[in-house]
PDB file of N, CA and C in Angstrom:
ATOM      1  N   UNK A   1      42.992 195.821 149.495  1.00  0.00           N
ATOM      2  CA  UNK A   1      43.485 195.992 150.834  1.00  0.00           C
ATOM      3  C   UNK A   1      45.004 195.832 150.831  1.00  0.00           C
ATOM      4  N   UNK A   2      45.696 196.698 151.526  1.00  0.00           N
ATOM      5  CA  UNK A   2      47.142 196.661 151.641  1.00  0.00           C
ATOM      6  C   UNK A   2      47.554 195.522 152.574  1.00  0.00           C
ATOM      7  N   UNK A   3      48.390 194.625 152.071  1.00  0.00           N
ATOM      8  CA  UNK A   3      48.846 193.493 152.872  1.00  0.00           C
ATOM      9  C   UNK A   3      50.092 193.843 153.669  1.00  0.00           C
ATOM     10  N   UNK A   4      50.901 194.756 153.150  1.00  0.00           N
ATOM     11  CA  UNK A   4      52.141 195.114 153.807  1.00  0.00           C
ATOM     12  C   UNK A   4      52.955 196.028 152.918  1.00  0.00           C
ATOM     13  N   UNK A   5      54.245 196.074 153.174  1.00  0.00           N
ATOM     14  CA  UNK A   5      55.123 196.917 152.363  1.00  0.00           C
ATOM     15  C   UNK A   5      56.507 196.295 152.304  1.00  0.00           C
ATOM     16  N   UNK A   6      57.270 196.726 151.317  1.00  0.00           N
ATOM     17  CA  UNK A   6      58.640 196.259 151.192  1.00  0.00           C
ATOM     18  C   UNK A   6      59.421 197.285 150.394  1.00  0.00           C
ATOM     19  N   UNK A   7      60.720 197.161 150.422  1.00  0.00           N
ATOM     20  CA  UNK A   7      61.516 198.058 149.619  1.00  0.00           C
ATOM     21  C   UNK A   7      62.991 197.986 149.950  1.00  0.00           C
ATOM     22  N   UNK A   8      63.739 198.719 149.166  1.00  0.00           N
ATOM     23  CA  UNK A   8      65.166 198.892 149.375  1.00  0.00           C
ATOM     24  C   UNK A   8      65.383 200.305 149.871  1.00  0.00           C
ATOM     25  N   UNK A   9      66.218 200.471 150.860  1.00  0.00           N
ATOM     26  CA  UNK A   9      66.503 201.808 151.362  1.00  0.00           C
ATOM     27  C   UNK A   9      67.956 201.869 151.809  1.00  0.00           C
ATOM     28  N   UNK A  10      68.384 203.058 152.202  1.00  0.00           N
ATOM     29  CA  UNK A  10      69.788 203.281 152.552  1.00  0.00           C
ATOM     30  C   UNK A  10      70.717 202.780 151.452  1.00  0.00           C
ATOM     31  N   UNK A  11      70.345 203.074 150.199  1.00  0.00           N
ATOM     32  CA  UNK A  11      71.184 202.674 149.074  1.00  0.00           C
ATOM     33  C   UNK A  11      72.518 203.399 149.131  1.00  0.00           C
ATOM     34  N   UNK A  12      73.569 202.657 148.947  1.00  0.00           N
ATOM     35  CA  UNK A  12      74.918 203.198 148.885  1.00  0.00           C
ATOM     36  C   UNK A  12      75.459 202.865 147.497  1.00  0.00           C
ATOM     37  N   UNK A  13      75.269 203.786 146.574  1.00  0.00           N
ATOM     38  CA  UNK A  13      75.640 203.521 145.184  1.00  0.00           C
ATOM     39  C   UNK A  13      77.132 203.273 145.041  1.00  0.00           C
ATOM     40  N   UNK A  14      77.961 203.987 145.794  1.00  0.00           N
ATOM     41  CA  UNK A  14      79.413 203.796 145.664  1.00  0.00           C
ATOM     42  C   UNK A  14      79.838 202.397 146.104  1.00  0.00           C
ATOM     43  N   UNK A  15      79.077 201.787 147.007  1.00  0.00           N
ATOM     44  CA  UNK A  15      79.368 200.430 147.477  1.00  0.00           C
ATOM     45  C   UNK A  15      78.470 199.379 146.833  1.00  0.00           C
ATOM     46  N   UNK A  16      77.501 199.852 146.041  1.00  0.00           N
ATOM     47  CA  UNK A  16      76.523 198.978 145.384  1.00  0.00           C
ATOM     48  C   UNK A  16      75.823 198.074 146.407  1.00  0.00           C
ATOM     49  N   UNK A  17      75.307 198.714 147.458  1.00  0.00           N
ATOM     50  CA  UNK A  17      74.611 197.960 148.497  1.00  0.00           C
ATOM     51  C   UNK A  17      73.366 198.707 148.955  1.00  0.00           C
ATOM     52  N   UNK A  18      72.471 197.958 149.592  1.00  0.00           N
ATOM     53  CA  UNK A  18      71.231 198.549 150.112  1.00  0.00           C
ATOM     54  C   UNK A  18      70.690 197.682 151.236  1.00  0.00           C
ATOM     55  N   UNK A  19      69.819 198.289 152.024  1.00  0.00           N
ATOM     56  CA  UNK A  19      69.120 197.567 153.076  1.00  0.00           C
ATOM     57  C   UNK A  19      67.748 197.189 152.555  1.00  0.00           C
ATOM     58  N   UNK A  20      67.325 195.990 152.888  1.00  0.00           N
ATOM     59  CA  UNK A  20      66.039 195.469 152.455  1.00  0.00           C
ATOM     60  C   UNK A  20      65.080 195.482 153.633  1.00  0.00           C
ATOM     61  N   UNK A  21      63.831 195.829 153.377  1.00  0.00           N
ATOM     62  CA  UNK A  21      62.815 195.792 154.421  1.00  0.00           C
ATOM     63  C   UNK A  21      61.524 195.197 153.893  1.00  0.00           C
ATOM     64  N   UNK A  22      60.881 194.401 154.715  1.00  0.00           N
ATOM     65  CA  UNK A  22      59.592 193.812 154.359  1.00  0.00           C
ATOM     66  C   UNK A  22      58.730 193.738 155.612  1.00  0.00           C
ATOM     67  N   UNK A  23      57.457 194.014 155.419  1.00  0.00           N
ATOM     68  CA  UNK A  23      56.508 193.940 156.521  1.00  0.00           C
ATOM     69  C   UNK A  23      55.177 193.461 155.961  1.00  0.00           C
ATOM     70  N   UNK A  24      54.683 192.356 156.486  1.00  0.00           N
ATOM     71  CA  UNK A  24      53.353 191.877 156.112  1.00  0.00           C
ATOM     72  C   UNK A  24      52.493 192.031 157.355  1.00  0.00           C
ATOM     73  N   UNK A  25      51.658 193.051 157.340  1.00  0.00           N
ATOM     74  CA  UNK A  25      50.861 193.383 158.508  1.00  0.00           C
ATOM     75  C   UNK A  25      49.542 192.631 158.593  1.00  0.00           C
ATOM     76  N   UNK A  26      49.049 192.184 157.467  1.00  0.00           N
ATOM     77  CA  UNK A  26      47.782 191.458 157.422  1.00  0.00           C
ATOM     78  C   UNK A  26      48.045 189.999 157.809  1.00  0.00           C
ATOM     79  N   UNK A  27      47.719 189.634 159.036  1.00  0.00           N
ATOM     80  CA  UNK A  27      48.029 188.299 159.545  1.00  0.00           C
ATOM     81  C   UNK A  27      47.357 187.185 158.753  1.00  0.00           C
ATOM     82  N   UNK A  28      46.269 187.500 158.066  1.00  0.00           N
ATOM     83  CA  UNK A  28      45.611 186.473 157.254  1.00  0.00           C
ATOM     84  C   UNK A  28      46.471 186.073 156.056  1.00  0.00           C
ATOM     85  N   UNK A  29      47.497 186.844 155.763  1.00  0.00           N
ATOM     86  CA  UNK A  29      48.388 186.543 154.634  1.00  0.00           C
ATOM     87  C   UNK A  29      49.726 185.951 155.078  1.00  0.00           C
ATOM     88  N   UNK A  30      49.877 185.729 156.366  1.00  0.00           N
ATOM     89  CA  UNK A  30      51.101 185.115 156.864  1.00  0.00           C
ATOM     90  C   UNK A  30      51.138 183.639 156.472  1.00  0.00           C
ATOM     91  N   UNK A  31      52.332 183.105 156.294  1.00  0.00           N
ATOM     92  CA  UNK A  31      52.550 181.681 156.016  1.00  0.00           C
ATOM     93  C   UNK A  31      51.871 181.193 154.746  1.00  0.00           C
ATOM     94  N   UNK A  32      51.760 182.080 153.764  1.00  0.00           N
ATOM     95  CA  UNK A  32      51.147 181.700 152.487  1.00  0.00           C
ATOM     96  C   UNK A  32      52.087 181.943 151.314  1.00  0.00           C
ATOM     97  N   UNK A  33      53.342 182.266 151.609  1.00  0.00           N
ATOM     98  CA  UNK A  33      54.331 182.426 150.561  1.00  0.00           C
ATOM     99  C   UNK A  33      54.449 183.826 149.986  1.00  0.00           C
ATOM    100  N   UNK A  34      53.628 184.767 150.478  1.00  0.00           N
ATOM    101  CA  UNK A  34      53.702 186.137 149.953  1.00  0.00           C
ATOM    102  C   UNK A  34      55.064 186.766 150.241  1.00  0.00           C
ATOM    103  N   UNK A  35      55.558 186.595 151.458  1.00  0.00           N
ATOM    104  CA  UNK A  35      56.838 187.181 151.825  1.00  0.00           C
ATOM    105  C   UNK A  35      57.971 186.624 150.987  1.00  0.00           C
ATOM    106  N   UNK A  36      57.977 185.308 150.778  1.00  0.00           N
ATOM    107  CA  UNK A  36      59.029 184.680 149.971  1.00  0.00           C
ATOM    108  C   UNK A  36      58.983 185.174 148.530  1.00  0.00           C
ATOM    109  N   UNK A  37      57.788 185.318 147.996  1.00  0.00           N
ATOM    110  CA  UNK A  37      57.657 185.803 146.620  1.00  0.00           C
ATOM    111  C   UNK A  37      58.121 187.250 146.500  1.00  0.00           C
ATOM    112  N   UNK A  38      57.708 188.081 147.427  1.00  0.00           N
ATOM    113  CA  UNK A  38      58.126 189.482 147.418  1.00  0.00           C
ATOM    114  C   UNK A  38      59.637 189.581 147.577  1.00  0.00           C
ATOM    115  N   UNK A  39      60.193 188.780 148.458  1.00  0.00           N
ATOM    116  CA  UNK A  39      61.633 188.780 148.675  1.00  0.00           C
ATOM    117  C   UNK A  39      62.375 188.493 147.368  1.00  0.00           C
ATOM    118  N   UNK A  40      61.932 187.486 146.635  1.00  0.00           N
ATOM    119  CA  UNK A  40      62.588 187.144 145.370  1.00  0.00           C
ATOM    120  C   UNK A  40      62.436 188.265 144.336  1.00  0.00           C
ATOM    121  N   UNK A  41      61.280 188.892 144.289  1.00  0.00           N
ATOM    122  CA  UNK A  41      61.073 189.987 143.339  1.00  0.00           C
ATOM    123  C   UNK A  41      61.978 191.177 143.653  1.00  0.00           C
ATOM    124  N   UNK A  42      62.092 191.516 144.924  1.00  0.00           N
ATOM    125  CA  UNK A  42      62.932 192.657 145.305  1.00  0.00           C
ATOM    126  C   UNK A  42      64.408 192.326 145.096  1.00  0.00           C
ATOM    127  N   UNK A  43      64.822 191.111 145.410  1.00  0.00           N
ATOM    128  CA  UNK A  43      66.212 190.727 145.185  1.00  0.00           C
ATOM    129  C   UNK A  43      66.535 190.711 143.692  1.00  0.00           C
ATOM    130  N   UNK A  44      65.615 190.244 142.881  1.00  0.00           N
ATOM    131  CA  UNK A  44      65.809 190.280 141.431  1.00  0.00           C
ATOM    132  C   UNK A  44      66.003 191.722 140.960  1.00  0.00           C
ATOM    133  N   UNK A  45      65.178 192.611 141.450  1.00  0.00           N
ATOM    134  CA  UNK A  45      65.303 194.027 141.094  1.00  0.00           C
ATOM    135  C   UNK A  45      66.644 194.592 141.568  1.00  0.00           C
ATOM    136  N   UNK A  46      67.016 194.267 142.803  1.00  0.00           N
ATOM    137  CA  UNK A  46      68.260 194.791 143.369  1.00  0.00           C
ATOM    138  C   UNK A  46      69.480 194.334 142.576  1.00  0.00           C
ATOM    139  N   UNK A  47      69.520 193.060 142.235  1.00  0.00           N
ATOM    140  CA  UNK A  47      70.724 192.514 141.615  1.00  0.00           C
ATOM    141  C   UNK A  47      70.712 192.601 140.087  1.00  0.00           C
ATOM    142  N   UNK A  48      69.559 192.425 139.468  1.00  0.00           N
ATOM    143  CA  UNK A  48      69.520 192.423 138.003  1.00  0.00           C
ATOM    144  C   UNK A  48      69.191 193.777 137.390  1.00  0.00           C
ATOM    145  N   UNK A  49      68.413 194.593 138.069  1.00  0.00           N
ATOM    146  CA  UNK A  49      68.066 195.904 137.523  1.00  0.00           C
ATOM    147  C   UNK A  49      68.999 196.992 138.048  1.00  0.00           C
ATOM    148  N   UNK A  50      69.180 197.031 139.365  1.00  0.00           N
ATOM    149  CA  UNK A  50      70.001 198.075 139.972  1.00  0.00           C
ATOM    150  C   UNK A  50      71.493 197.726 139.996  1.00  0.00           C
ATOM    151  N   UNK A  51      71.817 196.484 139.675  1.00  0.00           N
ATOM    152  CA  UNK A  51      73.202 196.026 139.639  1.00  0.00           C
ATOM    153  C   UNK A  51      73.907 196.187 140.991  1.00  0.00           C
ATOM    154  N   UNK A  52      73.180 195.909 142.068  1.00  0.00           N
ATOM    155  CA  UNK A  52      73.796 195.956 143.392  1.00  0.00           C
ATOM    156  C   UNK A  52      74.641 194.709 143.614  1.00  0.00           C
ATOM    157  N   UNK A  53      75.592 194.803 144.507  1.00  0.00           N
ATOM    158  CA  UNK A  53      76.430 193.671 144.863  1.00  0.00           C
ATOM    159  C   UNK A  53      75.978 193.008 146.157  1.00  0.00           C
ATOM    160  N   UNK A  54      75.332 193.783 147.033  1.00  0.00           N
ATOM    161  CA  UNK A  54      75.040 193.275 148.372  1.00  0.00           C
ATOM    162  C   UNK A  54      73.758 193.879 148.911  1.00  0.00           C
ATOM    163  N   UNK A  55      73.025 193.073 149.657  1.00  0.00           N
ATOM    164  CA  UNK A  55      71.857 193.556 150.378  1.00  0.00           C
ATOM    165  C   UNK A  55      71.897 193.021 151.796  1.00  0.00           C
ATOM    166  N   UNK A  56      71.322 193.764 152.714  1.00  0.00           N
ATOM    167  CA  UNK A  56      71.262 193.285 154.093  1.00  0.00           C
ATOM    168  C   UNK A  56      69.927 193.669 154.704  1.00  0.00           C
ATOM    169  N   UNK A  57      69.620 193.047 155.808  1.00  0.00           N
ATOM    170  CA  UNK A  57      68.369 193.315 156.519  1.00  0.00           C
ATOM    171  C   UNK A  57      68.572 193.089 157.994  1.00  0.00           C
ATOM    172  N   UNK A  58      67.607 193.515 158.760  1.00  0.00           N
ATOM    173  CA  UNK A  58      67.592 193.303 160.210  1.00  0.00           C
ATOM    174  C   UNK A  58      66.314 192.550 160.549  1.00  0.00           C
ATOM    175  N   UNK A  59      66.438 191.609 161.464  1.00  0.00           N
ATOM    176  CA  UNK A  59      65.290 190.810 161.870  1.00  0.00           C
ATOM    177  C   UNK A  59      65.381 190.564 163.372  1.00  0.00           C
ATOM    178  N   UNK A  60      64.253 190.681 164.055  1.00  0.00           N
ATOM    179  CA  UNK A  60      64.235 190.409 165.487  1.00  0.00           C
ATOM    180  C   UNK A  60      64.643 188.954 165.731  1.00  0.00           C
ATOM    181  N   UNK A  61      65.469 188.747 166.730  1.00  0.00           N
ATOM    182  CA  UNK A  61      66.008 187.418 167.010  1.00  0.00           C
ATOM    183  C   UNK A  61      64.905 186.383 167.217  1.00  0.00           C
ATOM    184  N   UNK A  62      63.793 186.766 167.792  1.00  0.00           N
ATOM    185  CA  UNK A  62      62.715 185.819 168.053  1.00  0.00           C
ATOM    186  C   UNK A  62      61.804 185.545 166.876  1.00  0.00           C
ATOM    187  N   UNK A  63      62.011 186.210 165.759  1.00  0.00           N
ATOM    188  CA  UNK A  63      61.150 186.029 164.595  1.00  0.00           C
ATOM    189  C   UNK A  63      61.686 184.871 163.742  1.00  0.00           C
ATOM    190  N   UNK A  64      61.499 183.659 164.245  1.00  0.00           N
ATOM    191  CA  UNK A  64      62.058 182.479 163.591  1.00  0.00           C
ATOM    192  C   UNK A  64      61.485 182.220 162.200  1.00  0.00           C
ATOM    193  N   UNK A  65      60.184 182.421 161.954  1.00  0.00           N
ATOM    194  CA  UNK A  65      59.692 182.214 160.586  1.00  0.00           C
ATOM    195  C   UNK A  65      60.363 183.140 159.569  1.00  0.00           C
ATOM    196  N   UNK A  66      60.572 184.389 159.938  1.00  0.00           N
ATOM    197  CA  UNK A  66      61.234 185.318 159.019  1.00  0.00           C
ATOM    198  C   UNK A  66      62.684 184.908 158.802  1.00  0.00           C
ATOM    199  N   UNK A  67      63.382 184.551 159.860  1.00  0.00           N
ATOM    200  CA  UNK A  67      64.779 184.125 159.728  1.00  0.00           C
ATOM    201  C   UNK A  67      64.895 182.913 158.814  1.00  0.00           C
ATOM    202  N   UNK A  68      64.001 181.945 158.964  1.00  0.00           N
ATOM    203  CA  UNK A  68      64.025 180.758 158.103  1.00  0.00           C
ATOM    204  C   UNK A  68      63.766 181.136 156.646  1.00  0.00           C
ATOM    205  N   UNK A  69      62.844 182.055 156.426  1.00  0.00           N
ATOM    206  CA  UNK A  69      62.547 182.505 155.069  1.00  0.00           C
ATOM    207  C   UNK A  69      63.767 183.168 154.441  1.00  0.00           C
ATOM    208  N   UNK A  70      64.449 183.999 155.197  1.00  0.00           N
ATOM    209  CA  UNK A  70      65.645 184.666 154.681  1.00  0.00           C
ATOM    210  C   UNK A  70      66.761 183.656 154.408  1.00  0.00           C
ATOM    211  N   UNK A  71      66.906 182.686 155.293  1.00  0.00           N
ATOM    212  CA  UNK A  71      67.928 181.662 155.079  1.00  0.00           C
ATOM    213  C   UNK A  71      67.622 180.841 153.833  1.00  0.00           C
ATOM    214  N   UNK A  72      66.349 180.529 153.597  1.00  0.00           N
ATOM    215  CA  UNK A  72      65.949 179.792 152.388  1.00  0.00           C
ATOM    216  C   UNK A  72      66.281 180.577 151.127  1.00  0.00           C
ATOM    217  N   UNK A  73      66.272 181.904 151.238  1.00  0.00           N
ATOM    218  CA  UNK A  73      66.587 182.768 150.093  1.00  0.00           C
ATOM    219  C   UNK A  73      68.082 183.014 149.970  1.00  0.00           C
ATOM    220  N   UNK A  74      68.895 182.365 150.800  1.00  0.00           N
ATOM    221  CA  UNK A  74      70.362 182.416 150.770  1.00  0.00           C
ATOM    222  C   UNK A  74      70.971 183.566 151.565  1.00  0.00           C
ATOM    223  N   UNK A  75      70.198 184.221 152.423  1.00  0.00           N
ATOM    224  CA  UNK A  75      70.784 185.210 153.326  1.00  0.00           C
ATOM    225  C   UNK A  75      71.617 184.477 154.376  1.00  0.00           C
ATOM    226  N   UNK A  76      72.667 185.136 154.844  1.00  0.00           N
ATOM    227  CA  UNK A  76      73.523 184.580 155.884  1.00  0.00           C
ATOM    228  C   UNK A  76      73.571 185.530 157.069  1.00  0.00           C
ATOM    229  N   UNK A  77      73.668 184.956 158.238  1.00  0.00           N
ATOM    230  CA  UNK A  77      73.780 185.756 159.453  1.00  0.00           C
ATOM    231  C   UNK A  77      75.144 186.433 159.484  1.00  0.00           C
ATOM    232  N   UNK A  78      75.144 187.742 159.681  1.00  0.00           N
ATOM    233  CA  UNK A  78      76.400 188.486 159.815  1.00  0.00           C
ATOM    234  C   UNK A  78      76.736 188.760 161.271  1.00  0.00           C
ATOM    235  N   UNK A  79      75.724 189.020 162.062  1.00  0.00           N
ATOM    236  CA  UNK A  79      75.990 189.319 163.457  1.00  0.00           C
ATOM    237  C   UNK A  79      74.726 189.666 164.207  1.00  0.00           C
ATOM    238  N   UNK A  80      74.892 189.958 165.467  1.00  0.00           N
ATOM    239  CA  UNK A  80      73.771 190.271 166.341  1.00  0.00           C
ATOM    240  C   UNK A  80      73.991 191.614 167.004  1.00  0.00           C
ATOM    241  N   UNK A  81      72.980 192.452 166.944  1.00  0.00           N
ATOM    242  CA  UNK A  81      72.970 193.708 167.690  1.00  0.00           C
ATOM    243  C   UNK A  81      72.288 193.372 169.014  1.00  0.00           C
ATOM    244  N   UNK A  82      73.077 193.210 170.057  1.00  0.00           N
ATOM    245  CA  UNK A  82      72.564 192.717 171.327  1.00  0.00           C
ATOM    246  C   UNK A  82      71.709 193.763 172.025  1.00  0.00           C
ATOM    247  N   UNK A  83      70.526 193.332 172.458  1.00  0.00           N
ATOM    248  CA  UNK A  83      69.568 194.173 173.168  1.00  0.00           C
ATOM    249  C   UNK A  83      69.405 195.525 172.475  1.00  0.00           C
ATOM    250  N   UNK A  84      69.238 195.491 171.173  1.00  0.00           N
ATOM    251  CA  UNK A  84      69.197 196.710 170.365  1.00  0.00           C
ATOM    252  C   UNK A  84      67.839 197.405 170.364  1.00  0.00           C
ATOM    253  N   UNK A  85      66.784 196.672 170.710  1.00  0.00           N
ATOM    254  CA  UNK A  85      65.435 197.240 170.644  1.00  0.00           C
ATOM    255  C   UNK A  85      64.710 196.961 171.952  1.00  0.00           C
ATOM    256  N   UNK A  86      64.015 197.978 172.452  1.00  0.00           N
ATOM    257  CA  UNK A  86      63.182 197.812 173.644  1.00  0.00           C
ATOM    258  C   UNK A  86      61.750 197.644 173.162  1.00  0.00           C
ATOM    259  N   UNK A  87      61.165 196.480 173.414  1.00  0.00           N
ATOM    260  CA  UNK A  87      59.831 196.191 172.893  1.00  0.00           C
ATOM    261  C   UNK A  87      59.073 195.334 173.896  1.00  0.00           C
ATOM    262  N   UNK A  88      57.838 195.699 174.143  1.00  0.00           N
ATOM    263  CA  UNK A  88      56.967 194.962 175.064  1.00  0.00           C
ATOM    264  C   UNK A  88      57.627 194.777 176.435  1.00  0.00           C
ATOM    265  N   UNK A  89      58.285 195.825 176.899  1.00  0.00           N
ATOM    266  CA  UNK A  89      58.834 195.827 178.238  1.00  0.00           C
ATOM    267  C   UNK A  89      60.175 195.139 178.415  1.00  0.00           C
ATOM    268  N   UNK A  90      60.815 194.771 177.313  1.00  0.00           N
ATOM    269  CA  UNK A  90      62.121 194.124 177.447  1.00  0.00           C
ATOM    270  C   UNK A  90      62.999 194.442 176.243  1.00  0.00           C
ATOM    271  N   UNK A  91      64.285 194.244 176.416  1.00  0.00           N
ATOM    272  CA  UNK A  91      65.230 194.444 175.326  1.00  0.00           C
ATOM    273  C   UNK A  91      65.354 193.152 174.529  1.00  0.00           C
ATOM    274  N   UNK A  92      65.427 193.297 173.211  1.00  0.00           N
ATOM    275  CA  UNK A  92      65.584 192.113 172.364  1.00  0.00           C
ATOM    276  C   UNK A  92      66.749 192.325 171.393  1.00  0.00           C
ATOM    277  N   UNK A  93      67.337 191.208 171.012  1.00  0.00           N
ATOM    278  CA  UNK A  93      68.429 191.218 170.043  1.00  0.00           C
ATOM    279  C   UNK A  93      67.872 191.374 168.626  1.00  0.00           C
ATOM    280  N   UNK A  94      68.703 191.938 167.771  1.00  0.00           N
ATOM    281  CA  UNK A  94      68.374 192.078 166.356  1.00  0.00           C
ATOM    282  C   UNK A  94      69.501 191.424 165.562  1.00  0.00           C
ATOM    283  N   UNK A  95      69.127 190.523 164.667  1.00  0.00           N
ATOM    284  CA  UNK A  95      70.115 189.879 163.800  1.00  0.00           C
ATOM    285  C   UNK A  95      70.259 190.671 162.510  1.00  0.00           C
ATOM    286  N   UNK A  96      71.488 190.785 162.038  1.00  0.00           N
ATOM    287  CA  UNK A  96      71.775 191.380 160.738  1.00  0.00           C
ATOM    288  C   UNK A  96      72.128 190.235 159.802  1.00  0.00           C
ATOM    289  N   UNK A  97      71.408 190.176 158.683  1.00  0.00           N
ATOM    290  CA  UNK A  97      71.641 189.131 157.689  1.00  0.00           C
ATOM    291  C   UNK A  97      71.950 189.801 156.357  1.00  0.00           C
ATOM    292  N   UNK A  98      72.742 189.126 155.532  1.00  0.00           N
ATOM    293  CA  UNK A  98      73.088 189.722 154.244  1.00  0.00           C
ATOM    294  C   UNK A  98      73.118 188.666 153.144  1.00  0.00           C
ATOM    295  N   UNK A  99      73.128 189.172 151.924  1.00  0.00           N
ATOM    296  CA  UNK A  99      73.240 188.331 150.740  1.00  0.00           C
ATOM    297  C   UNK A  99      74.015 189.106 149.693  1.00  0.00           C
ATOM    298  N   UNK A 100      74.883 188.396 148.976  1.00  0.00           N
ATOM    299  CA  UNK A 100      75.619 189.022 147.878  1.00  0.00           C
ATOM    300  C   UNK A 100      75.020 188.547 146.560  1.00  0.00           C
ATOM    301  N   UNK A 101      75.206 189.334 145.536  1.00  0.00           N
ATOM    302  CA  UNK A 101      74.645 189.019 144.231  1.00  0.00           C
ATOM    303  C   UNK A 101      75.053 187.619 143.773  1.00  0.00           C
ATOM    304  N   UNK A 102      76.337 187.286 143.879  1.00  0.00           N
ATOM    305  CA  UNK A 102      76.817 185.975 143.432  1.00  0.00           C
ATOM    306  C   UNK A 102      76.144 184.842 144.206  1.00  0.00           C
ATOM    307  N   UNK A 103      75.930 185.035 145.513  1.00  0.00           N
ATOM    308  CA  UNK A 103      75.259 184.014 146.320  1.00  0.00           C
ATOM    309  C   UNK A 103      73.816 183.828 145.862  1.00  0.00           C
ATOM    310  N   UNK A 104      73.143 184.936 145.597  1.00  0.00           N
ATOM    311  CA  UNK A 104      71.746 184.867 145.161  1.00  0.00           C
ATOM    312  C   UNK A 104      71.652 184.164 143.811  1.00  0.00           C
ATOM    313  N   UNK A 105      72.540 184.512 142.886  1.00  0.00           N
ATOM    314  CA  UNK A 105      72.504 183.884 141.553  1.00  0.00           C
ATOM    315  C   UNK A 105      72.818 182.395 141.640  1.00  0.00           C
ATOM    316  N   UNK A 106      73.776 182.002 142.454  1.00  0.00           N
ATOM    317  CA  UNK A 106      74.061 180.574 142.651  1.00  0.00           C
ATOM    318  C   UNK A 106      72.868 179.856 143.232  1.00  0.00           C
ATOM    319  N   UNK A 107      72.202 180.496 144.168  1.00  0.00           N
ATOM    320  CA  UNK A 107      71.015 179.911 144.794  1.00  0.00           C
ATOM    321  C   UNK A 107      69.897 179.754 143.772  1.00  0.00           C
ATOM    322  N   UNK A 108      69.748 180.692 142.856  1.00  0.00           N
ATOM    323  CA  UNK A 108      68.714 180.621 141.822  1.00  0.00           C
ATOM    324  C   UNK A 108      68.957 179.468 140.865  1.00  0.00           C
ATOM    325  N   UNK A 109      70.229 179.188 140.603  1.00  0.00           N
ATOM    326  CA  UNK A 109      70.577 178.094 139.688  1.00  0.00           C
ATOM    327  C   UNK A 109      70.344 176.731 140.327  1.00  0.00           C
ATOM    328  N   UNK A 110      70.304 176.734 141.652  1.00  0.00           N
ATOM    329  CA  UNK A 110      69.881 175.626 142.412  1.00  0.00           C
ATOM    330  C   UNK A 110      70.655 174.460 142.699  1.00  0.00           C
TER     331      UNK A 110
END
């Protein structure tokens, strides 16, 4: 059974950057560490295999578990796209978070 999906997209080879996306749709797999593990695998691929310098992602402002997971992985808040998405009858903010290769490697060393 498919639990979700993830990947790198909008790769900018000249800038050595990409956008990261992850979605775990199977709620029975939430809060079990799958997202954190996938995040580390994709970041390892981005920085060690593809030799990227930077990755970024977007997360709904109200998705606190995801934001905490990204912060634990050393992502930093870059800014907020105010009322960027209309969902469930209201506008919501979207946070943009990023990580650089050097930050990720320092975080791995612990």
